[in-house]
N, C-alpha and C. Protein backbone atom coordinates (compact mmCIF):
# COMPACT_ATOMS: atom_id res chain seq x y z
N MET A 1 -17.79 -28.72 -1.11
CA MET A 1 -17.76 -27.52 -1.37
C MET A 1 -17.42 -27.48 -3.12
N THR A 2 -18.43 -26.33 -3.34
CA THR A 2 -18.79 -26.42 -4.26
C THR A 2 -17.51 -26.18 -6.06
N ASP A 3 -18.83 -25.55 -7.04
CA ASP A 3 -17.45 -25.92 -8.56
C ASP A 3 -16.22 -24.89 -8.05
N HIS A 4 -16.83 -23.52 -7.55
CA HIS A 4 -16.15 -22.59 -8.51
C HIS A 4 -14.51 -22.53 -6.89
N LEU A 5 -14.45 -23.11 -5.76
CA LEU A 5 -14.10 -23.68 -5.01
C LEU A 5 -12.88 -24.66 -5.38
N ALA A 6 -14.07 -25.38 -5.89
CA ALA A 6 -12.87 -26.53 -6.24
C ALA A 6 -12.15 -26.53 -7.25
N VAL A 7 -12.18 -25.22 -8.54
CA VAL A 7 -11.82 -24.62 -9.43
C VAL A 7 -10.73 -23.99 -9.12
N GLU A 8 -10.21 -23.37 -7.53
CA GLU A 8 -9.67 -22.81 -7.50
C GLU A 8 -8.55 -22.88 -6.72
N VAL A 9 -9.18 -24.11 -5.34
CA VAL A 9 -7.73 -25.53 -5.68
C VAL A 9 -7.00 -25.91 -7.27
N SER A 10 -7.86 -26.22 -7.91
CA SER A 10 -7.28 -27.47 -8.53
C SER A 10 -6.22 -26.50 -9.10
N LEU A 11 -6.76 -24.96 -9.46
CA LEU A 11 -5.48 -24.13 -9.84
C LEU A 11 -4.71 -24.08 -9.63
N TYR A 12 -5.14 -24.28 -7.91
CA TYR A 12 -3.82 -24.07 -6.60
C TYR A 12 -2.56 -24.80 -6.53
N LYS A 13 -3.27 -25.88 -6.42
CA LYS A 13 -2.48 -26.88 -7.10
C LYS A 13 -1.45 -27.27 -7.93
N GLU A 14 -2.35 -26.83 -9.36
CA GLU A 14 -1.48 -27.25 -10.61
C GLU A 14 -0.76 -25.96 -9.99
N GLU A 15 -0.52 -24.86 -9.30
CA GLU A 15 0.69 -23.33 -9.90
C GLU A 15 1.55 -24.60 -8.15
N ILE A 16 1.21 -25.18 -7.53
CA ILE A 16 2.41 -25.35 -7.22
C ILE A 16 3.07 -26.25 -7.89
N MET A 17 2.36 -27.17 -8.38
CA MET A 17 3.50 -28.09 -9.08
C MET A 17 4.07 -27.63 -10.37
N PHE A 18 3.40 -26.80 -10.49
CA PHE A 18 3.90 -26.13 -12.60
C PHE A 18 5.94 -25.70 -11.08
N TYR A 19 5.74 -25.12 -10.52
CA TYR A 19 6.92 -24.15 -9.53
C TYR A 19 7.61 -25.33 -9.28
N TYR A 20 7.46 -26.62 -8.36
CA TYR A 20 7.76 -28.05 -8.07
C TYR A 20 8.72 -28.63 -8.94
N LEU A 21 7.78 -28.78 -10.54
CA LEU A 21 8.43 -29.25 -11.61
C LEU A 21 9.92 -28.27 -11.82
N ILE A 22 9.37 -27.01 -12.09
CA ILE A 22 10.52 -26.85 -12.53
C ILE A 22 11.10 -26.30 -11.37
N ILE A 23 11.96 -26.75 -10.18
CA ILE A 23 12.66 -26.72 -9.65
C ILE A 23 13.96 -27.91 -9.65
N LEU A 24 12.31 -29.41 -10.43
CA LEU A 24 13.65 -30.50 -9.97
C LEU A 24 13.95 -30.45 -11.46
N PHE A 25 13.80 -29.58 -12.89
CA PHE A 25 14.11 -29.03 -13.03
C PHE A 25 15.23 -28.68 -13.21
N ILE A 26 15.89 -27.74 -12.54
CA ILE A 26 16.60 -27.48 -12.19
C ILE A 26 17.45 -27.73 -12.15
N ILE A 27 17.37 -28.80 -10.93
CA ILE A 27 18.14 -29.96 -10.14
C ILE A 27 19.43 -30.65 -11.33
N ALA A 28 18.26 -30.90 -11.44
CA ALA A 28 18.36 -32.43 -13.22
C ALA A 28 19.56 -31.75 -14.14
N LEU A 29 18.90 -30.03 -14.42
CA LEU A 29 20.34 -29.84 -15.36
C LEU A 29 21.68 -29.72 -14.53
N ASP A 30 21.65 -29.32 -12.87
CA ASP A 30 22.41 -29.04 -12.60
C ASP A 30 23.52 -30.44 -12.31
N GLN A 31 22.77 -31.42 -12.51
CA GLN A 31 22.92 -32.67 -11.79
C GLN A 31 23.76 -33.14 -13.18
N ILE A 32 23.27 -33.11 -14.39
CA ILE A 32 24.00 -33.15 -15.48
C ILE A 32 25.45 -32.42 -15.88
N ALA A 33 24.58 -31.66 -16.21
CA ALA A 33 26.25 -30.93 -15.78
C ALA A 33 27.59 -31.01 -15.32
N LYS A 34 27.11 -31.43 -14.02
CA LYS A 34 27.51 -32.25 -12.89
C LYS A 34 28.51 -33.48 -13.63
N VAL A 35 27.47 -34.69 -13.43
CA VAL A 35 27.72 -35.32 -14.60
C VAL A 35 29.08 -35.50 -15.23
N LEU A 36 28.54 -34.55 -16.79
CA LEU A 36 29.47 -34.44 -17.55
C LEU A 36 30.70 -33.32 -17.44
N ALA A 37 30.46 -32.85 -16.41
CA ALA A 37 32.16 -32.06 -15.77
C ALA A 37 32.91 -33.53 -14.72
N VAL A 38 32.29 -34.32 -14.53
CA VAL A 38 33.50 -35.31 -13.88
C VAL A 38 33.38 -36.09 -15.25
N ASN A 39 32.88 -36.41 -16.11
CA ASN A 39 33.24 -37.89 -17.56
C ASN A 39 34.20 -37.20 -18.00
N TYR A 40 34.59 -35.68 -18.54
CA TYR A 40 34.81 -35.38 -19.52
C TYR A 40 36.16 -33.43 -19.08
N VAL A 41 35.23 -33.09 -18.16
CA VAL A 41 36.68 -32.21 -17.83
C VAL A 41 37.72 -32.36 -17.08
N LYS A 42 37.25 -33.14 -15.81
CA LYS A 42 38.14 -34.40 -14.82
C LYS A 42 39.48 -34.29 -15.17
N PRO A 43 39.14 -35.15 -15.75
CA PRO A 43 40.40 -36.05 -16.89
C PRO A 43 41.63 -34.48 -17.04
N HIS A 44 40.91 -34.06 -17.77
CA HIS A 44 41.83 -33.14 -18.78
C HIS A 44 42.15 -31.50 -16.95
N ILE A 45 41.62 -31.52 -16.47
CA ILE A 45 41.67 -30.69 -15.00
C ILE A 45 41.14 -29.51 -15.38
N THR A 46 41.21 -28.95 -16.86
CA THR A 46 40.97 -27.21 -17.34
C THR A 46 40.72 -28.02 -18.66
N ILE A 47 39.76 -26.99 -19.71
CA ILE A 47 39.71 -26.91 -20.83
C ILE A 47 39.11 -25.22 -21.06
N PRO A 48 40.93 -25.01 -21.50
CA PRO A 48 39.73 -23.64 -22.16
C PRO A 48 39.11 -23.72 -23.10
N LEU A 49 38.60 -22.45 -23.62
CA LEU A 49 37.41 -22.49 -24.66
C LEU A 49 37.95 -20.79 -25.45
N ILE A 50 37.85 -19.80 -23.80
CA ILE A 50 38.70 -18.50 -25.01
C ILE A 50 39.75 -19.06 -23.84
N GLU A 51 40.93 -18.40 -24.24
CA GLU A 51 41.99 -19.00 -24.22
C GLU A 51 42.80 -17.44 -23.35
N ASN A 52 42.32 -17.48 -21.08
CA ASN A 52 42.23 -16.68 -20.62
C ASN A 52 41.03 -16.56 -20.14
N VAL A 53 40.07 -16.33 -20.69
CA VAL A 53 38.85 -15.34 -20.53
C VAL A 53 37.81 -16.84 -19.55
N PHE A 54 37.51 -18.12 -20.84
CA PHE A 54 36.71 -18.64 -20.13
C PHE A 54 37.11 -20.34 -20.39
N HIS A 55 36.87 -21.10 -19.52
CA HIS A 55 37.70 -22.09 -19.12
C HIS A 55 36.62 -23.54 -18.36
N LEU A 56 36.94 -24.71 -18.43
CA LEU A 56 35.89 -25.30 -17.88
C LEU A 56 37.18 -26.00 -16.96
N THR A 57 37.21 -26.09 -15.67
CA THR A 57 38.09 -26.64 -14.69
C THR A 57 37.15 -27.06 -13.54
N TYR A 58 37.31 -28.28 -13.45
CA TYR A 58 37.46 -29.75 -12.45
C TYR A 58 37.43 -29.14 -11.43
N ALA A 59 36.55 -29.14 -10.55
CA ALA A 59 37.08 -28.53 -8.94
C ALA A 59 35.79 -29.15 -8.45
N GLU A 60 36.48 -29.85 -7.14
CA GLU A 60 35.38 -30.31 -5.49
C GLU A 60 35.46 -29.31 -4.12
N ASN A 61 34.50 -28.46 -4.38
CA ASN A 61 34.58 -27.21 -3.22
C ASN A 61 33.57 -28.23 -2.52
N THR A 62 35.04 -27.84 -0.78
CA THR A 62 34.21 -28.44 0.55
C THR A 62 33.51 -27.43 0.98
N GLY A 63 33.31 -26.50 0.33
CA GLY A 63 33.00 -25.16 1.52
C GLY A 63 31.80 -24.88 0.58
N ALA A 64 31.16 -23.69 1.11
CA ALA A 64 29.79 -23.17 0.40
C ALA A 64 30.63 -22.54 -0.75
N ALA A 65 29.91 -21.01 -0.99
CA ALA A 65 30.42 -19.71 -2.26
C ALA A 65 32.33 -18.99 -1.68
N PHE A 66 33.03 -19.43 -3.17
CA PHE A 66 34.03 -18.96 -2.60
C PHE A 66 34.93 -19.94 -1.09
N SER A 67 34.28 -21.01 -1.42
CA SER A 67 35.16 -22.01 -0.26
C SER A 67 35.38 -21.82 0.89
N ILE A 68 34.30 -20.54 1.55
CA ILE A 68 34.33 -20.37 2.73
C ILE A 68 33.47 -21.60 3.66
N LEU A 69 33.86 -22.11 5.23
CA LEU A 69 32.81 -23.12 5.53
C LEU A 69 34.08 -24.17 4.79
N SER A 70 35.40 -24.40 4.64
CA SER A 70 36.34 -25.54 4.22
C SER A 70 35.20 -26.67 4.87
N ASN A 71 35.42 -27.88 4.85
CA ASN A 71 35.74 -29.22 5.47
C ASN A 71 34.34 -29.18 6.60
N LYS A 72 33.39 -28.13 6.32
CA LYS A 72 32.27 -28.10 7.24
C LYS A 72 31.12 -28.57 7.21
N LEU A 73 31.54 -29.75 6.40
CA LEU A 73 30.56 -30.51 5.60
C LEU A 73 28.73 -30.59 6.76
N PRO A 74 29.08 -31.13 7.23
CA PRO A 74 28.02 -31.20 7.93
C PRO A 74 27.66 -30.55 9.14
N LEU A 75 28.06 -28.85 8.80
CA LEU A 75 27.33 -27.33 9.25
C LEU A 75 27.05 -26.96 8.08
N LEU A 76 27.57 -27.44 6.90
CA LEU A 76 26.66 -26.86 6.00
C LEU A 76 26.07 -27.14 5.10
N THR A 77 25.77 -28.48 5.85
CA THR A 77 24.15 -29.87 5.34
C THR A 77 23.44 -28.93 6.03
N ILE A 78 23.53 -29.40 7.58
CA ILE A 78 22.62 -28.86 8.07
C ILE A 78 21.55 -26.93 8.10
N ILE A 79 22.80 -26.22 8.10
CA ILE A 79 22.35 -24.97 7.56
C ILE A 79 21.54 -24.91 6.29
N THR A 80 21.69 -25.52 4.56
CA THR A 80 21.63 -25.90 4.16
C THR A 80 19.93 -25.71 3.67
N THR A 81 20.00 -26.84 4.44
CA THR A 81 18.89 -27.57 4.66
C THR A 81 17.42 -27.17 5.70
N ILE A 82 17.56 -26.37 6.51
CA ILE A 82 16.77 -25.34 7.40
C ILE A 82 16.77 -24.93 5.79
N PHE A 83 17.97 -23.94 5.60
CA PHE A 83 17.51 -23.26 4.88
C PHE A 83 16.15 -23.48 3.82
N ILE A 84 16.70 -24.65 3.20
CA ILE A 84 15.82 -24.89 2.62
C ILE A 84 14.19 -25.02 2.45
N ILE A 85 14.10 -25.44 3.97
CA ILE A 85 13.29 -25.86 4.18
C ILE A 85 12.63 -24.53 4.19
N ALA A 86 11.86 -23.65 5.48
CA ALA A 86 12.49 -22.87 5.22
C ALA A 86 11.56 -22.01 4.27
N LEU A 87 12.43 -21.74 2.67
CA LEU A 87 12.30 -21.57 1.42
C LEU A 87 10.91 -22.17 1.19
N PHE A 88 10.90 -23.07 0.84
CA PHE A 88 9.69 -24.33 0.75
C PHE A 88 8.49 -24.02 1.35
N ILE A 89 8.59 -23.73 2.95
CA ILE A 89 6.93 -22.91 3.68
C ILE A 89 7.10 -21.27 2.86
N TYR A 90 8.23 -20.87 2.78
CA TYR A 90 7.70 -19.05 2.55
C TYR A 90 7.04 -19.12 0.97
N LEU A 91 7.50 -20.28 -0.15
CA LEU A 91 7.13 -20.27 -1.33
C LEU A 91 6.18 -20.94 -1.43
N TYR A 92 5.44 -22.00 -0.66
CA TYR A 92 4.26 -22.48 -0.54
C TYR A 92 2.86 -21.68 -0.46
N LYS A 93 3.67 -20.14 0.16
CA LYS A 93 2.45 -19.55 1.58
C LYS A 93 2.10 -18.36 0.49
N LEU A 94 3.19 -18.49 -0.23
CA LEU A 94 3.30 -17.48 -1.24
C LEU A 94 2.17 -17.73 -2.46
N ILE A 95 2.07 -18.76 -2.59
CA ILE A 95 1.41 -19.71 -3.96
C ILE A 95 0.51 -19.65 -3.68
N SER A 96 0.32 -19.53 -2.58
CA SER A 96 -1.22 -19.84 -1.53
C SER A 96 -1.67 -18.50 -1.64
N THR A 97 -1.56 -17.42 -1.77
CA THR A 97 -1.81 -15.95 -2.11
C THR A 97 -2.00 -15.75 -3.55
N ASP A 98 -3.00 -15.15 -3.52
CA ASP A 98 -2.88 -14.82 -4.89
C ASP A 98 -2.87 -13.12 -5.27
N LYS A 99 -2.14 -12.32 -4.55
CA LYS A 99 -1.91 -11.33 -4.55
C LYS A 99 -0.23 -11.03 -4.70
N SER A 100 0.66 -11.92 -3.88
CA SER A 100 1.69 -12.50 -4.18
C SER A 100 2.81 -11.85 -5.29
N SER A 101 3.45 -11.51 -5.01
CA SER A 101 4.45 -11.41 -6.73
C SER A 101 5.21 -12.73 -7.37
N LYS A 102 4.82 -12.73 -8.49
CA LYS A 102 5.53 -13.67 -9.67
C LYS A 102 7.21 -13.32 -9.57
N LEU A 103 7.40 -12.53 -9.60
CA LEU A 103 8.97 -12.33 -9.51
C LEU A 103 9.17 -12.93 -8.35
N LEU A 104 9.02 -12.90 -7.57
CA LEU A 104 9.09 -13.21 -5.58
C LEU A 104 9.28 -14.52 -5.71
N ILE A 105 8.26 -15.35 -6.44
CA ILE A 105 8.45 -16.35 -6.28
C ILE A 105 10.17 -17.48 -7.27
N TRP A 106 9.08 -16.50 -8.77
CA TRP A 106 10.95 -17.18 -9.55
C TRP A 106 11.55 -17.57 -8.95
N SER A 107 12.41 -16.08 -7.85
CA SER A 107 13.94 -16.25 -6.95
C SER A 107 13.60 -17.05 -5.92
N LEU A 108 13.00 -17.42 -5.06
CA LEU A 108 13.09 -18.76 -4.99
C LEU A 108 13.14 -19.54 -5.17
N VAL A 109 12.51 -19.84 -6.77
CA VAL A 109 12.73 -21.00 -7.80
C VAL A 109 13.79 -21.37 -7.34
N PHE A 110 14.55 -20.60 -7.93
CA PHE A 110 15.84 -20.72 -8.71
C PHE A 110 16.96 -20.81 -7.26
N ILE A 111 16.80 -19.66 -6.26
CA ILE A 111 17.48 -20.11 -4.98
C ILE A 111 17.35 -22.01 -4.23
N ILE A 112 16.12 -21.77 -4.43
CA ILE A 112 15.84 -23.10 -4.33
C ILE A 112 16.10 -24.20 -4.56
N GLY A 113 15.85 -24.40 -5.92
CA GLY A 113 16.33 -24.99 -7.21
C GLY A 113 18.44 -25.51 -6.96
N GLY A 114 18.74 -24.33 -6.99
CA GLY A 114 20.01 -24.39 -6.40
C GLY A 114 20.81 -24.68 -5.57
N ALA A 115 20.56 -24.26 -4.61
CA ALA A 115 20.77 -24.55 -3.63
C ALA A 115 20.02 -26.20 -3.20
N LEU A 116 18.96 -27.47 -4.20
CA LEU A 116 19.11 -28.19 -3.75
C LEU A 116 20.33 -28.81 -4.91
N GLY A 117 20.36 -28.69 -6.07
CA GLY A 117 21.56 -29.19 -6.46
C GLY A 117 22.95 -28.93 -5.56
N ASN A 118 23.64 -28.14 -4.81
CA ASN A 118 24.40 -27.93 -5.27
C ASN A 118 23.70 -28.81 -2.82
N LEU A 119 23.33 -29.14 -2.33
CA LEU A 119 23.49 -30.09 -1.25
C LEU A 119 23.50 -31.40 -1.58
N ILE A 120 22.58 -31.62 -2.56
CA ILE A 120 22.87 -32.82 -2.95
C ILE A 120 23.56 -33.58 -3.35
N ASP A 121 25.16 -32.47 -4.20
CA ASP A 121 26.67 -32.48 -4.03
C ASP A 121 26.98 -33.26 -2.72
N ARG A 122 26.76 -32.11 -1.65
CA ARG A 122 27.63 -32.34 -0.42
C ARG A 122 26.79 -33.68 0.19
N ILE A 123 25.74 -34.09 -0.07
CA ILE A 123 24.78 -35.51 1.08
C ILE A 123 25.97 -36.52 0.18
N ARG A 124 25.69 -36.80 -1.12
CA ARG A 124 25.95 -37.28 -1.92
C ARG A 124 27.66 -38.44 -1.75
N ILE A 125 28.15 -36.55 -2.18
CA ILE A 125 29.63 -37.90 -2.25
C ILE A 125 30.32 -36.55 -2.03
N GLY A 126 29.77 -35.71 -0.89
CA GLY A 126 31.14 -34.61 0.47
C GLY A 126 31.41 -33.62 0.22
N TYR A 127 30.99 -33.05 -1.44
CA TYR A 127 31.48 -32.11 -2.04
C TYR A 127 31.16 -31.20 -3.17
N VAL A 128 30.89 -29.81 -3.50
CA VAL A 128 30.04 -29.39 -4.77
C VAL A 128 31.31 -29.36 -5.57
N VAL A 129 30.50 -30.19 -7.03
CA VAL A 129 31.00 -29.97 -8.32
C VAL A 129 30.85 -28.73 -8.81
N ASP A 130 32.47 -27.99 -8.77
CA ASP A 130 32.36 -26.75 -10.21
C ASP A 130 33.17 -26.63 -10.91
N PHE A 131 32.94 -26.03 -12.40
CA PHE A 131 33.24 -26.56 -13.96
C PHE A 131 33.53 -24.92 -14.13
N PHE A 132 32.65 -23.85 -13.83
CA PHE A 132 33.19 -22.63 -15.00
C PHE A 132 33.69 -22.21 -14.08
N ASP A 133 35.18 -21.26 -15.51
CA ASP A 133 35.95 -20.67 -14.65
C ASP A 133 36.66 -19.59 -15.14
N PHE A 134 36.30 -17.77 -15.21
CA PHE A 134 35.46 -17.19 -15.59
C PHE A 134 37.78 -16.02 -15.09
N ARG A 135 38.69 -17.00 -16.18
CA ARG A 135 39.36 -16.65 -15.31
C ARG A 135 40.48 -14.91 -15.44
N TRP A 136 39.07 -14.08 -17.06
CA TRP A 136 39.67 -12.56 -16.99
C TRP A 136 39.21 -12.44 -16.10
N ILE A 137 38.13 -12.34 -14.99
CA ILE A 137 38.44 -11.68 -13.95
C ILE A 137 38.98 -12.48 -12.69
N ASN A 138 38.82 -13.21 -12.50
CA ASN A 138 39.98 -14.25 -11.66
C ASN A 138 38.66 -14.55 -10.57
N PHE A 139 37.68 -15.15 -11.03
CA PHE A 139 36.81 -15.14 -10.09
C PHE A 139 37.04 -17.06 -9.57
N ALA A 140 36.05 -16.93 -8.53
CA ALA A 140 35.72 -18.41 -7.89
C ALA A 140 35.38 -19.07 -8.41
N ILE A 141 35.03 -20.30 -9.20
CA ILE A 141 35.30 -22.12 -10.16
C ILE A 141 33.44 -22.14 -9.78
N PHE A 142 32.82 -22.13 -10.56
CA PHE A 142 31.40 -22.02 -9.93
C PHE A 142 30.90 -23.55 -11.18
N ASN A 143 29.39 -23.06 -10.93
CA ASN A 143 28.58 -24.25 -11.22
C ASN A 143 27.42 -23.61 -11.35
N VAL A 144 26.32 -25.07 -12.19
CA VAL A 144 24.97 -24.17 -12.25
C VAL A 144 24.31 -24.00 -11.51
N ALA A 145 24.04 -24.41 -10.86
CA ALA A 145 23.66 -24.36 -9.32
C ALA A 145 24.02 -22.97 -8.59
N ASP A 146 25.08 -22.80 -8.74
CA ASP A 146 25.45 -21.47 -8.30
C ASP A 146 24.87 -19.91 -9.40
N CYS A 147 25.19 -20.52 -10.26
CA CYS A 147 23.59 -19.41 -10.93
C CYS A 147 22.93 -18.55 -10.95
N LEU A 148 22.16 -20.50 -10.70
CA LEU A 148 20.73 -20.27 -10.13
C LEU A 148 20.29 -19.52 -9.30
N ILE A 149 21.25 -20.13 -7.89
CA ILE A 149 21.30 -18.88 -6.87
C ILE A 149 21.68 -17.28 -6.91
N VAL A 150 22.61 -17.41 -7.82
CA VAL A 150 22.81 -15.65 -7.87
C VAL A 150 21.62 -15.13 -8.12
N VAL A 151 21.50 -15.44 -9.71
CA VAL A 151 20.31 -14.37 -9.96
C VAL A 151 19.00 -14.95 -9.32
N GLY A 152 18.77 -16.62 -8.78
CA GLY A 152 17.07 -15.67 -7.19
C GLY A 152 17.45 -14.79 -6.73
N SER A 153 19.35 -14.34 -6.12
CA SER A 153 18.60 -13.61 -5.05
C SER A 153 19.37 -12.57 -5.24
N ILE A 154 19.58 -12.58 -7.41
CA ILE A 154 19.58 -10.85 -7.81
C ILE A 154 18.04 -10.50 -7.98
N LEU A 155 17.75 -11.17 -7.91
CA LEU A 155 15.81 -10.95 -8.61
C LEU A 155 15.61 -10.80 -6.81
N LEU A 156 16.02 -10.96 -5.89
CA LEU A 156 15.12 -11.12 -4.58
C LEU A 156 15.47 -9.65 -3.84
N ILE A 157 17.04 -9.90 -4.00
CA ILE A 157 17.77 -7.48 -3.88
C ILE A 157 16.77 -7.22 -4.26
N THR A 158 16.58 -6.92 -6.18
CA THR A 158 15.97 -6.03 -6.79
C THR A 158 14.18 -5.48 -6.01
N LEU A 159 13.97 -6.93 -6.07
CA LEU A 159 12.74 -7.10 -5.09
C LEU A 159 12.52 -6.23 -4.37
N ILE A 160 13.03 -6.12 -2.95
CA ILE A 160 13.96 -5.25 -1.48
C ILE A 160 13.70 -3.79 -2.09
N VAL A 161 14.83 -4.35 -2.51
CA VAL A 161 15.71 -2.49 -3.15
C VAL A 161 13.83 -1.65 -3.71
N LEU A 162 13.26 -2.44 -4.78
CA LEU A 162 11.94 -1.73 -5.23
C LEU A 162 11.36 -1.44 -4.32
N ASP A 163 11.35 -2.24 -3.37
CA ASP A 163 9.72 -1.87 -2.79
C ASP A 163 8.93 -3.01 -3.08
N GLU A 164 9.22 -4.24 -3.90
CA GLU A 164 8.04 -4.66 -5.08
C GLU A 164 7.01 -4.25 -3.16
N LYS A 165 5.97 -4.95 -3.22
CA LYS A 165 5.00 -5.28 -2.00
C LYS A 165 5.38 -6.91 -2.37
N PHE A 166 4.78 -7.97 -1.13
CA PHE A 166 4.88 -8.76 -0.86
C PHE A 166 5.07 -9.93 0.07
């Protein structure tokens, strides 16, 4: 192996590790926030931060986004696992090409991290802990993982609409 090739392989491995560490950070942030919600919000059910605008409200979501597929834990777990594996494969391929869009990579990192955070809840406790409650717009209660999935999805859709080459 030439020195040049060895350096490229080393940089490639470092880049993969960097993005994997970001995914682990997202999972840790999500899980810590959920533990805090269980310990400090659940006993109160809801804590108004801005009355009738934004509350921390403890909720157990047995479904996916907006509680679709409620009480279908095995199906959600299988679908989510397949989805995450597919995204990890795609992410790995993107990182291995020099010409891939960094924004596309970040969108996948956010989606994977968020999806894994919620999958951990489904497997560990049988539901997803939600706690952000925007009452002003009467929106669904959500969590940190959901935020990252949405940010990653918006970024991905924006790249597609703008016809970003990836």
